[in-house]
Amino acid sequence: MKYFILLLCLLNTCLLGAKRPSPFKKVEDKPNLPRVLLIGDSISIGYTLPVREFLKGKVNVHRIPTNGGPTTKGITSIDAWLGKDKWDLIHFNWGLHDLKFMGPNGENLFPKEKGGKAQVSLEEYEANLDKLTARMKKTGAKLVWRNTTPIPSGSKGRYVGDSVKYNEAAARVMKKHNVPTQDLFTVSKERMEELMLPANVHYKKEGSGLLGELVAKRILKELGK
C-alpha cells in the first residue's frame, strides 16, 4: 500500500512539474495554412493559447515574443516583430500600457492623485498608432484592430473610462486606414464580474478562453474561412 501511495506522489510530482504550453513558444508553420500574427499586451498573451487551440489545423497562429507594452515600445520594435516572412493577417492592440499612470521616476502604476501621468498621452498614442498601422499595412496583410478592454473600478494605476477615451482615438486611426475593429470592450464590460478579475484589468481563465474563441472566429471570418 505504501508503495502505491509513493507511486501516486511521484506521478503527481511529475505532472505538476511538467512544462505547460507557452504562448511564446515558436510556432512551426504547417504548409498551406494562412499565417496570422497576434500583437498585444498581457490580455492578448492570455488568449494566445486558446486562439491556437481553436484554430489548430486551420491557421498558423504566431505572436510577438513579448508583452507588446505601450505604443512607444511598438514604434521601436515593430520591424523586428514583423520580420521578413509574409503574414496573411495581423490582429493587434495597444492601449492598457499607454493609459496606465507612471511616477516621475518611472514608478509603475503610480496614482495620478499623487502626480502620476499616463505613460503615453492620448495625443501621442493616436500619433503612434497611426504610424504603427501605416507600417503594418505595408506588409500587405489583412489588419484587424482589437479595441482596448475595460478597466474595472479599483484597478491600481488605471482609471475607469480611460480605455473609452483611448478607444475613441484608435477608432479615428482605424477609420483613416480603413481597418476593421474587433470589439472585445463591450462583451467584457457587460460580463465583467463573470470574465474579469476584481479590481484588475486581467481575466479569469474562463474569460481568456472566451476572448480566444471570439478572436479565433473573427480571424476565420476575415480570412474568408
Protein backbone atom coordinates (compact mmCIF):
# COMPACT_ATOMS: atom_id res chain seq x y z
CA MET A 1 0.00 0.00 0.00
CA LYS A 2 2.76 2.42 0.95
CA TYR A 3 4.46 1.76 -2.40
CA PHE A 4 1.21 2.57 -4.19
CA ILE A 5 0.95 5.85 -2.29
CA LEU A 6 4.59 6.61 -3.10
CA LEU A 7 3.91 5.92 -6.78
CA LEU A 8 0.96 8.31 -6.73
CA CYS A 9 3.08 11.02 -5.11
CA LEU A 10 5.79 10.60 -7.74
CA LEU A 11 3.20 10.72 -10.51
CA ASN A 12 1.68 13.92 -9.11
CA THR A 13 5.13 15.47 -8.81
CA CYS A 14 5.85 14.67 -12.45
CA LEU A 15 2.54 16.09 -13.57
CA LEU A 16 2.95 19.26 -11.56
CA GLY A 17 6.50 19.67 -12.81
CA ALA A 18 5.56 19.16 -16.44
CA LYS A 19 6.00 22.21 -18.56
CA ARG A 20 2.84 23.99 -19.52
CA PRO A 21 2.47 25.23 -23.11
CA SER A 22 3.85 28.73 -23.54
CA PRO A 23 2.17 31.44 -25.63
CA PHE A 24 5.71 32.49 -26.60
CA LYS A 25 6.64 29.08 -27.99
CA LYS A 26 7.99 29.32 -31.52
CA VAL A 27 5.39 28.06 -33.98
CA GLU A 28 6.47 25.70 -36.72
CA ASP A 29 4.29 26.51 -39.71
CA LYS A 30 2.20 23.76 -41.21
CA PRO A 31 2.28 24.03 -45.01
CA ASN A 32 -0.60 25.53 -46.97
CA LEU A 33 -2.16 27.22 -43.94
CA PRO A 34 -2.51 31.01 -43.54
CA ARG A 35 -0.10 32.78 -41.21
CA VAL A 36 -1.51 35.08 -38.52
CA LEU A 37 0.38 37.33 -36.12
CA LEU A 38 -1.05 38.43 -32.76
CA ILE A 39 0.27 41.69 -31.33
CA GLY A 40 -0.74 42.92 -27.89
CA ASP A 41 -0.10 43.06 -24.17
CA SER A 42 -0.91 40.58 -21.40
CA ILE A 43 -4.57 40.44 -22.41
CA SER A 44 -3.52 39.01 -25.77
CA ILE A 45 -0.97 36.77 -24.05
CA GLY A 46 -3.90 35.34 -22.10
CA TYR A 47 -5.89 34.47 -25.20
CA THR A 48 -3.00 33.30 -27.42
CA LEU A 49 -3.19 29.63 -26.42
CA PRO A 50 -7.00 29.46 -26.71
CA VAL A 51 -6.77 31.03 -30.18
CA ARG A 52 -4.20 28.45 -31.22
CA GLU A 53 -6.36 25.64 -29.88
CA PHE A 54 -9.47 26.86 -31.69
CA LEU A 55 -7.55 27.31 -34.96
CA LYS A 56 -5.46 24.14 -34.75
CA GLY A 57 -5.11 22.61 -38.20
CA LYS A 58 -6.63 25.71 -39.83
CA VAL A 59 -4.26 28.61 -39.19
CA ASN A 60 -0.63 29.04 -38.14
CA VAL A 61 -1.03 31.40 -35.18
CA HIS A 62 2.10 33.29 -34.17
CA ARG A 63 2.50 36.08 -31.62
CA ILE A 64 5.20 38.59 -30.81
CA PRO A 65 7.75 37.09 -28.36
CA THR A 66 6.98 39.56 -25.58
CA ASN A 67 4.38 41.80 -23.98
CA GLY A 68 3.55 44.43 -26.59
CA GLY A 69 3.55 47.17 -23.93
CA PRO A 70 2.72 50.74 -24.95
CA THR A 71 2.79 52.14 -28.48
CA THR A 72 6.22 53.60 -27.78
CA LYS A 73 7.56 50.04 -27.48
CA GLY A 74 5.72 49.16 -30.67
CA ILE A 75 7.40 52.01 -32.54
CA THR A 76 10.88 50.74 -31.66
CA SER A 77 10.09 47.04 -32.10
CA ILE A 78 7.59 46.72 -34.94
CA ASP A 79 10.12 45.99 -37.69
CA ALA A 80 11.65 43.13 -35.68
CA TRP A 81 8.22 41.78 -34.76
CA LEU A 82 7.03 41.74 -38.35
CA GLY A 83 10.21 40.16 -39.64
CA LYS A 84 10.56 39.34 -43.31
CA ASP A 85 8.06 36.50 -43.65
CA LYS A 86 4.66 37.01 -45.24
CA TRP A 87 1.64 37.49 -42.97
CA ASP A 88 -1.90 36.85 -44.13
CA LEU A 89 -3.47 38.65 -41.17
CA ILE A 90 -2.26 40.75 -38.24
CA HIS A 91 -4.55 41.05 -35.21
CA PHE A 92 -3.28 43.87 -33.00
CA ASN A 93 -3.86 46.09 -29.97
CA TRP A 94 -2.15 48.71 -27.83
CA GLY A 95 -3.74 50.75 -25.06
CA LEU A 96 -3.69 49.45 -21.50
CA HIS A 97 0.01 50.23 -21.12
CA ASP A 98 -0.31 53.62 -22.79
CA LEU A 99 -3.02 54.80 -20.41
CA LYS A 100 -1.51 53.46 -17.19
CA PHE A 101 -0.15 56.07 -14.80
CA MET A 102 3.54 56.27 -14.01
CA GLY A 103 5.54 58.20 -11.43
CA PRO A 104 8.09 60.95 -12.11
CA ASN A 105 10.95 58.46 -11.79
CA GLY A 106 9.29 55.72 -13.80
CA GLU A 107 7.39 54.16 -10.91
CA ASN A 108 4.89 51.65 -12.31
CA LEU A 109 1.15 52.15 -11.72
CA PHE A 110 1.70 55.36 -9.78
CA PRO A 111 -1.60 57.08 -8.84
CA LYS A 112 -2.49 60.28 -10.66
CA GLU A 113 -3.68 61.68 -7.33
CA LYS A 114 0.00 61.82 -6.33
CA GLY A 115 1.17 63.37 -9.58
CA GLY A 116 1.32 60.34 -11.82
CA LYS A 117 0.96 60.81 -15.58
CA ALA A 118 -0.22 58.49 -18.32
CA GLN A 119 2.73 56.60 -19.76
CA VAL A 120 1.70 57.78 -23.23
CA SER A 121 -0.58 60.78 -23.61
CA LEU A 122 -3.77 60.45 -25.62
CA GLU A 123 -2.36 62.66 -28.39
CA GLU A 124 0.91 60.73 -28.62
CA TYR A 125 -0.97 57.44 -28.52
CA GLU A 126 -3.06 58.40 -31.53
CA ALA A 127 0.02 59.56 -33.46
CA ASN A 128 1.96 56.39 -32.60
CA LEU A 129 -0.95 54.14 -33.51
CA ASP A 130 -1.25 55.92 -36.86
CA LYS A 131 2.44 55.21 -37.60
CA LEU A 132 2.17 51.59 -36.48
CA THR A 133 -0.92 50.94 -38.57
CA ALA A 134 0.69 52.50 -41.64
CA ARG A 135 3.76 50.31 -41.12
CA MET A 136 1.71 47.12 -40.81
CA LYS A 137 -0.29 47.96 -43.91
CA LYS A 138 2.95 47.87 -45.91
CA THR A 139 3.16 44.12 -45.26
CA GLY A 140 0.09 43.57 -47.42
CA ALA A 141 -1.55 41.60 -44.61
CA LYS A 142 -5.19 41.93 -43.67
CA LEU A 143 -5.32 44.02 -40.48
CA VAL A 144 -7.78 43.69 -37.59
CA TRP A 145 -7.70 46.12 -34.68
CA ARG A 146 -8.83 44.76 -31.31
CA ASN A 147 -10.07 47.59 -29.15
CA THR A 148 -8.81 48.07 -25.60
CA THR A 149 -10.68 46.21 -22.88
CA PRO A 150 -12.35 47.97 -19.90
CA ILE A 151 -10.82 48.99 -16.59
CA PRO A 152 -12.69 47.73 -13.51
CA SER A 153 -13.16 50.05 -10.57
CA GLY A 154 -10.25 49.94 -8.13
CA SER A 155 -7.61 48.91 -10.67
CA LYS A 156 -4.27 50.21 -9.47
CA GLY A 157 -2.78 52.96 -11.64
CA ARG A 158 -5.56 52.77 -14.23
CA TYR A 159 -8.91 54.56 -14.17
CA VAL A 160 -12.42 53.68 -15.25
CA GLY A 161 -13.29 55.34 -18.54
CA ASP A 162 -9.77 55.88 -19.83
CA SER A 163 -9.94 52.90 -22.17
CA VAL A 164 -13.02 54.52 -23.72
CA LYS A 165 -11.03 57.68 -24.47
CA TYR A 166 -8.15 55.72 -25.97
CA ASN A 167 -10.56 53.59 -27.99
CA GLU A 168 -12.11 56.74 -29.42
CA ALA A 169 -8.66 57.90 -30.54
CA ALA A 170 -7.96 54.45 -32.00
CA ALA A 171 -11.27 54.49 -33.86
CA ARG A 172 -10.19 57.66 -35.68
CA VAL A 173 -6.97 55.95 -36.76
CA MET A 174 -8.73 52.80 -37.93
CA LYS A 175 -11.26 54.84 -39.89
CA LYS A 176 -8.42 56.70 -41.60
CA HIS A 177 -6.73 53.43 -42.60
CA ASN A 178 -9.94 51.50 -43.28
CA VAL A 179 -9.09 48.82 -40.71
CA PRO A 180 -11.94 46.83 -39.11
CA THR A 181 -12.29 46.66 -35.33
CA GLN A 182 -12.99 43.63 -33.17
CA ASP A 183 -14.93 44.90 -30.18
CA LEU A 184 -13.89 42.98 -27.07
CA PHE A 185 -14.59 46.01 -24.87
CA THR A 186 -18.37 45.60 -24.94
CA VAL A 187 -18.58 41.90 -24.10
CA SER A 188 -16.01 42.41 -21.33
CA LYS A 189 -17.93 45.36 -19.91
CA GLU A 190 -21.26 43.57 -19.99
CA ARG A 191 -19.87 40.40 -18.38
CA MET A 192 -17.14 41.97 -16.23
CA GLU A 193 -17.87 40.09 -12.99
CA GLU A 194 -18.01 36.79 -14.84
CA LEU A 195 -14.94 37.23 -17.05
CA MET A 196 -12.52 39.59 -15.33
CA LEU A 197 -10.60 39.54 -12.07
CA PRO A 198 -11.90 42.01 -9.46
CA ALA A 199 -10.21 45.46 -9.43
CA ASN A 200 -7.88 44.22 -12.16
CA VAL A 201 -7.62 44.63 -15.93
CA HIS A 202 -6.78 40.94 -16.34
CA TYR A 203 -9.07 37.98 -16.96
CA LYS A 204 -10.03 34.77 -15.29
CA LYS A 205 -9.11 31.60 -17.17
CA GLU A 206 -12.67 31.36 -18.47
CA GLY A 207 -12.53 34.98 -19.60
CA SER A 208 -9.34 34.48 -21.59
CA GLY A 209 -10.88 31.37 -23.08
CA LEU A 210 -13.92 33.28 -24.27
CA LEU A 211 -11.79 36.07 -25.75
CA GLY A 212 -9.72 33.43 -27.51
CA GLU A 213 -12.81 31.88 -29.05
CA LEU A 214 -14.08 35.28 -30.23
CA VAL A 215 -10.69 36.23 -31.69
CA ALA A 216 -10.38 32.86 -33.44
CA LYS A 217 -13.83 33.19 -35.03
CA ARG A 218 -13.03 36.72 -36.20
CA ILE A 219 -9.75 35.57 -37.72
CA LEU A 220 -11.55 32.85 -39.68
CA LYS A 221 -14.14 35.34 -40.84
CA GLU A 222 -11.54 37.84 -42.02
CA LEU A 223 -9.62 35.09 -43.81
CA GLY A 224 -12.83 34.07 -45.57
CA LYS A 225 -12.91 30.62 -44.00
